[in-house]
């Protein structure tokens, strides 16, 4: 069995039971997965826990902080690198190798990486909508 990749994954959710199995199933190589939930009323929490994620509840006060900012300031990440992904997103299989290389390379001098997302609709890539769509998703915490 391969060693887990030394990265902490952050997945902000609310009622994502339909998306979580696919999203988290593609992340099982990560050393740590935090699912930050906003009081889901579906089976999201149970699904996340069954897939090995640590579930933390977040209560938005209507102003600040937003869920991702709160998580970055308050969660006890055990890894230097953090990857943020939404529950309706899925990483390609080769992402594991790329993240492993980045997070284990002692000569790595970058502090973050921008990810170019592709939007899919009915199984097809929307080539002329929201593309390119660069987002800072992998970074040193």
C-alpha atoms as a PDB file:
ATOM      1  CA  UNK A   1       0.000   0.000   0.000  1.00  0.00           C
ATOM      2  CA  UNK A   2       1.296   3.443  -0.922  1.00  0.00           C
ATOM      3  CA  UNK A   3       2.033   5.996   1.740  1.00  0.00           C
ATOM      4  CA  UNK A   4      -0.579   8.728   2.072  1.00  0.00           C
ATOM      5  CA  UNK A   5       0.219  12.054   0.407  1.00  0.00           C
ATOM      6  CA  UNK A   6       1.158  14.665   3.054  1.00  0.00           C
ATOM      7  CA  UNK A   7      -1.633  17.107   2.265  1.00  0.00           C
ATOM      8  CA  UNK A   8      -4.712  18.228   4.165  1.00  0.00           C
ATOM      9  CA  UNK A   9      -7.856  18.449   2.059  1.00  0.00           C
ATOM     10  CA  UNK A  10     -10.588  20.959   2.901  1.00  0.00           C
ATOM     11  CA  UNK A  11     -14.094  20.343   1.533  1.00  0.00           C
ATOM     12  CA  UNK A  12     -16.738  22.945   2.496  1.00  0.00           C
ATOM     13  CA  UNK A  13     -20.271  21.526   2.271  1.00  0.00           C
ATOM     14  CA  UNK A  14     -23.965  21.821   2.935  1.00  0.00           C
ATOM     15  CA  UNK A  15     -26.293  19.042   1.787  1.00  0.00           C
ATOM     16  CA  UNK A  16     -23.837  17.408  -0.610  1.00  0.00           C
ATOM     17  CA  UNK A  17     -24.836  13.748  -0.107  1.00  0.00           C
ATOM     18  CA  UNK A  18     -25.156  13.238  -3.864  1.00  0.00           C
ATOM     19  CA  UNK A  19     -21.682  14.614  -4.629  1.00  0.00           C
ATOM     20  CA  UNK A  20     -19.556  13.536  -1.661  1.00  0.00           C
ATOM     21  CA  UNK A  21     -18.989   9.862  -2.562  1.00  0.00           C
ATOM     22  CA  UNK A  22     -17.469  10.792  -5.918  1.00  0.00           C
ATOM     23  CA  UNK A  23     -15.480  13.758  -4.616  1.00  0.00           C
ATOM     24  CA  UNK A  24     -14.084  12.070  -1.505  1.00  0.00           C
ATOM     25  CA  UNK A  25     -13.605   8.756  -3.280  1.00  0.00           C
ATOM     26  CA  UNK A  26     -11.083  10.463  -5.547  1.00  0.00           C
ATOM     27  CA  UNK A  27      -9.166  11.812  -2.519  1.00  0.00           C
ATOM     28  CA  UNK A  28      -8.509   8.672  -0.480  1.00  0.00           C
ATOM     29  CA  UNK A  29      -4.766   9.079  -1.120  1.00  0.00           C
ATOM     30  CA  UNK A  30      -4.652  12.243   1.020  1.00  0.00           C
ATOM     31  CA  UNK A  31      -3.250  12.054   4.544  1.00  0.00           C
ATOM     32  CA  UNK A  32      -6.093  14.128   5.991  1.00  0.00           C
ATOM     33  CA  UNK A  33      -9.537  15.220   4.837  1.00  0.00           C
ATOM     34  CA  UNK A  34     -11.636  17.828   6.625  1.00  0.00           C
ATOM     35  CA  UNK A  35     -15.259  18.280   5.628  1.00  0.00           C
ATOM     36  CA  UNK A  36     -16.572  21.572   6.996  1.00  0.00           C
ATOM     37  CA  UNK A  37     -20.349  21.331   7.155  1.00  0.00           C
ATOM     38  CA  UNK A  38     -23.050  23.944   7.644  1.00  0.00           C
ATOM     39  CA  UNK A  39     -25.628  21.798   9.417  1.00  0.00           C
ATOM     40  CA  UNK A  40     -26.559  19.551   6.491  1.00  0.00           C
ATOM     41  CA  UNK A  41     -30.013  17.995   6.686  1.00  0.00           C
ATOM     42  CA  UNK A  42     -29.196  15.093   4.340  1.00  0.00           C
ATOM     43  CA  UNK A  43     -26.748  12.189   4.830  1.00  0.00           C
ATOM     44  CA  UNK A  44     -23.657  14.279   4.077  1.00  0.00           C
ATOM     45  CA  UNK A  45     -22.080  13.924   7.520  1.00  0.00           C
ATOM     46  CA  UNK A  46     -22.506  10.147   7.643  1.00  0.00           C
ATOM     47  CA  UNK A  47     -21.158   9.750   4.110  1.00  0.00           C
ATOM     48  CA  UNK A  48     -18.115  11.924   4.850  1.00  0.00           C
ATOM     49  CA  UNK A  49     -17.326  10.055   8.067  1.00  0.00           C
ATOM     50  CA  UNK A  50     -17.742   6.664   6.372  1.00  0.00           C
ATOM     51  CA  UNK A  51     -15.186   7.753   3.779  1.00  0.00           C
ATOM     52  CA  UNK A  52     -12.692   8.685   6.500  1.00  0.00           C
ATOM     53  CA  UNK A  53     -13.150  12.450   6.619  1.00  0.00           C
ATOM     54  CA  UNK A  54     -13.112  14.481   9.809  1.00  0.00           C
ATOM     55  CA  UNK A  55     -16.356  16.448   9.922  1.00  0.00           C
ATOM     56  CA  UNK A  56     -16.400  19.856  11.592  1.00  0.00           C
ATOM     57  CA  UNK A  57     -19.545  21.952  11.952  1.00  0.00           C
ATOM     58  CA  UNK A  58     -19.510  25.615  10.972  1.00  0.00           C
ATOM     59  CA  UNK A  59     -22.108  28.205  11.915  1.00  0.00           C
ATOM     60  CA  UNK A  60     -22.189  31.205   9.579  1.00  0.00           C
ATOM     61  CA  UNK A  61     -23.219  34.411  11.343  1.00  0.00           C
ATOM     62  CA  UNK A  62     -24.228  36.175   8.129  1.00  0.00           C
ATOM     63  CA  UNK A  63     -21.155  38.396   7.982  1.00  0.00           C
ATOM     64  CA  UNK A  64     -17.660  37.107   8.596  1.00  0.00           C
ATOM     65  CA  UNK A  65     -15.813  34.802   8.481  1.00  0.00           C
ATOM     66  CA  UNK A  66     -16.897  32.724   5.538  1.00  0.00           C
ATOM     67  CA  UNK A  67     -16.521  28.949   5.809  1.00  0.00           C
ATOM     68  CA  UNK A  68     -13.191  28.534   4.004  1.00  0.00           C
ATOM     69  CA  UNK A  69     -11.546  31.437   5.838  1.00  0.00           C
ATOM     70  CA  UNK A  70     -12.821  30.153   9.180  1.00  0.00           C
ATOM     71  CA  UNK A  71     -11.513  26.674   8.420  1.00  0.00           C
ATOM     72  CA  UNK A  72      -8.076  27.965   7.423  1.00  0.00           C
ATOM     73  CA  UNK A  73      -7.847  29.929  10.665  1.00  0.00           C
ATOM     74  CA  UNK A  74      -9.264  27.298  13.043  1.00  0.00           C
ATOM     75  CA  UNK A  75      -8.685  23.732  11.875  1.00  0.00           C
ATOM     76  CA  UNK A  76      -5.686  21.816  13.265  1.00  0.00           C
ATOM     77  CA  UNK A  77      -4.135  20.819   9.934  1.00  0.00           C
ATOM     78  CA  UNK A  78      -1.324  18.330  10.441  1.00  0.00           C
ATOM     79  CA  UNK A  79       0.223  18.996   7.032  1.00  0.00           C
ATOM     80  CA  UNK A  80       2.014  22.021   5.655  1.00  0.00           C
ATOM     81  CA  UNK A  81       0.100  21.812   2.362  1.00  0.00           C
ATOM     82  CA  UNK A  82      -3.668  22.319   2.071  1.00  0.00           C
ATOM     83  CA  UNK A  83      -5.863  21.609  -0.948  1.00  0.00           C
ATOM     84  CA  UNK A  84      -9.362  23.125  -1.133  1.00  0.00           C
ATOM     85  CA  UNK A  85     -11.952  21.356  -3.266  1.00  0.00           C
ATOM     86  CA  UNK A  86     -15.716  21.759  -3.535  1.00  0.00           C
ATOM     87  CA  UNK A  87     -17.916  18.691  -3.137  1.00  0.00           C
ATOM     88  CA  UNK A  88     -19.169  18.910  -6.714  1.00  0.00           C
ATOM     89  CA  UNK A  89     -15.610  18.782  -8.049  1.00  0.00           C
ATOM     90  CA  UNK A  90     -13.514  15.690  -8.743  1.00  0.00           C
ATOM     91  CA  UNK A  91      -9.760  15.478  -9.129  1.00  0.00           C
ATOM     92  CA  UNK A  92      -8.275  13.418 -11.920  1.00  0.00           C
ATOM     93  CA  UNK A  93      -6.390  10.285 -10.875  1.00  0.00           C
ATOM     94  CA  UNK A  94      -3.046  11.757 -11.962  1.00  0.00           C
ATOM     95  CA  UNK A  95      -3.497  14.599  -9.476  1.00  0.00           C
ATOM     96  CA  UNK A  96      -2.320  12.279  -6.697  1.00  0.00           C
ATOM     97  CA  UNK A  97       1.102  11.913  -8.302  1.00  0.00           C
ATOM     98  CA  UNK A  98       1.420  15.649  -8.939  1.00  0.00           C
ATOM     99  CA  UNK A  99       0.426  16.607  -5.376  1.00  0.00           C
ATOM    100  CA  UNK A 100       2.703  13.902  -3.948  1.00  0.00           C
ATOM    101  CA  UNK A 101       5.648  15.294  -5.922  1.00  0.00           C
ATOM    102  CA  UNK A 102       4.946  18.879  -4.817  1.00  0.00           C
ATOM    103  CA  UNK A 103       4.411  18.088  -1.135  1.00  0.00           C
ATOM    104  CA  UNK A 104       7.398  15.760  -0.733  1.00  0.00           C
ATOM    105  CA  UNK A 105       9.999  17.666  -2.767  1.00  0.00           C
ATOM    106  CA  UNK A 106      12.376  19.280  -0.262  1.00  0.00           C
ATOM    107  CA  UNK A 107      13.545  21.648  -3.014  1.00  0.00           C
ATOM    108  CA  UNK A 108      10.003  22.917  -3.688  1.00  0.00           C
ATOM    109  CA  UNK A 109      10.107  26.699  -3.361  1.00  0.00           C
ATOM    110  CA  UNK A 110       6.587  27.604  -4.499  1.00  0.00           C
ATOM    111  CA  UNK A 111       4.023  28.466  -1.857  1.00  0.00           C
ATOM    112  CA  UNK A 112       0.966  27.669  -3.915  1.00  0.00           C
ATOM    113  CA  UNK A 113      -0.456  26.373  -7.162  1.00  0.00           C
ATOM    114  CA  UNK A 114      -3.289  27.605  -9.329  1.00  0.00           C
ATOM    115  CA  UNK A 115      -5.607  24.921 -10.695  1.00  0.00           C
ATOM    116  CA  UNK A 116      -7.412  25.361 -14.006  1.00  0.00           C
ATOM    117  CA  UNK A 117     -10.905  23.905 -13.676  1.00  0.00           C
ATOM    118  CA  UNK A 118     -12.996  22.404 -16.444  1.00  0.00           C
ATOM    119  CA  UNK A 119     -16.764  22.599 -16.205  1.00  0.00           C
ATOM    120  CA  UNK A 120     -18.633  19.481 -17.268  1.00  0.00           C
ATOM    121  CA  UNK A 121     -22.279  19.254 -18.325  1.00  0.00           C
ATOM    122  CA  UNK A 122     -24.003  15.973 -19.117  1.00  0.00           C
ATOM    123  CA  UNK A 123     -20.635  14.263 -19.285  1.00  0.00           C
ATOM    124  CA  UNK A 124     -19.060  16.748 -21.685  1.00  0.00           C
ATOM    125  CA  UNK A 125     -16.557  19.539 -21.151  1.00  0.00           C
ATOM    126  CA  UNK A 126     -17.975  23.023 -21.701  1.00  0.00           C
ATOM    127  CA  UNK A 127     -14.989  24.289 -23.708  1.00  0.00           C
ATOM    128  CA  UNK A 128     -16.261  27.818 -24.238  1.00  0.00           C
ATOM    129  CA  UNK A 129     -17.804  28.504 -20.839  1.00  0.00           C
ATOM    130  CA  UNK A 130     -15.823  29.487 -17.762  1.00  0.00           C
ATOM    131  CA  UNK A 131     -12.547  28.366 -19.295  1.00  0.00           C
ATOM    132  CA  UNK A 132      -9.872  29.013 -18.427  1.00  0.00           C
ATOM    133  CA  UNK A 133     -10.847  29.259 -14.749  1.00  0.00           C
ATOM    134  CA  UNK A 134      -7.740  29.444 -12.575  1.00  0.00           C
ATOM    135  CA  UNK A 135      -8.114  29.106  -8.798  1.00  0.00           C
ATOM    136  CA  UNK A 136      -5.515  28.969  -6.038  1.00  0.00           C
ATOM    137  CA  UNK A 137      -6.335  25.565  -4.523  1.00  0.00           C
ATOM    138  CA  UNK A 138      -3.069  23.985  -3.344  1.00  0.00           C
ATOM    139  CA  UNK A 139      -0.934  26.080  -1.017  1.00  0.00           C
ATOM    140  CA  UNK A 140       1.287  26.081   2.049  1.00  0.00           C
ATOM    141  CA  UNK A 141      -0.772  26.819   5.109  1.00  0.00           C
END
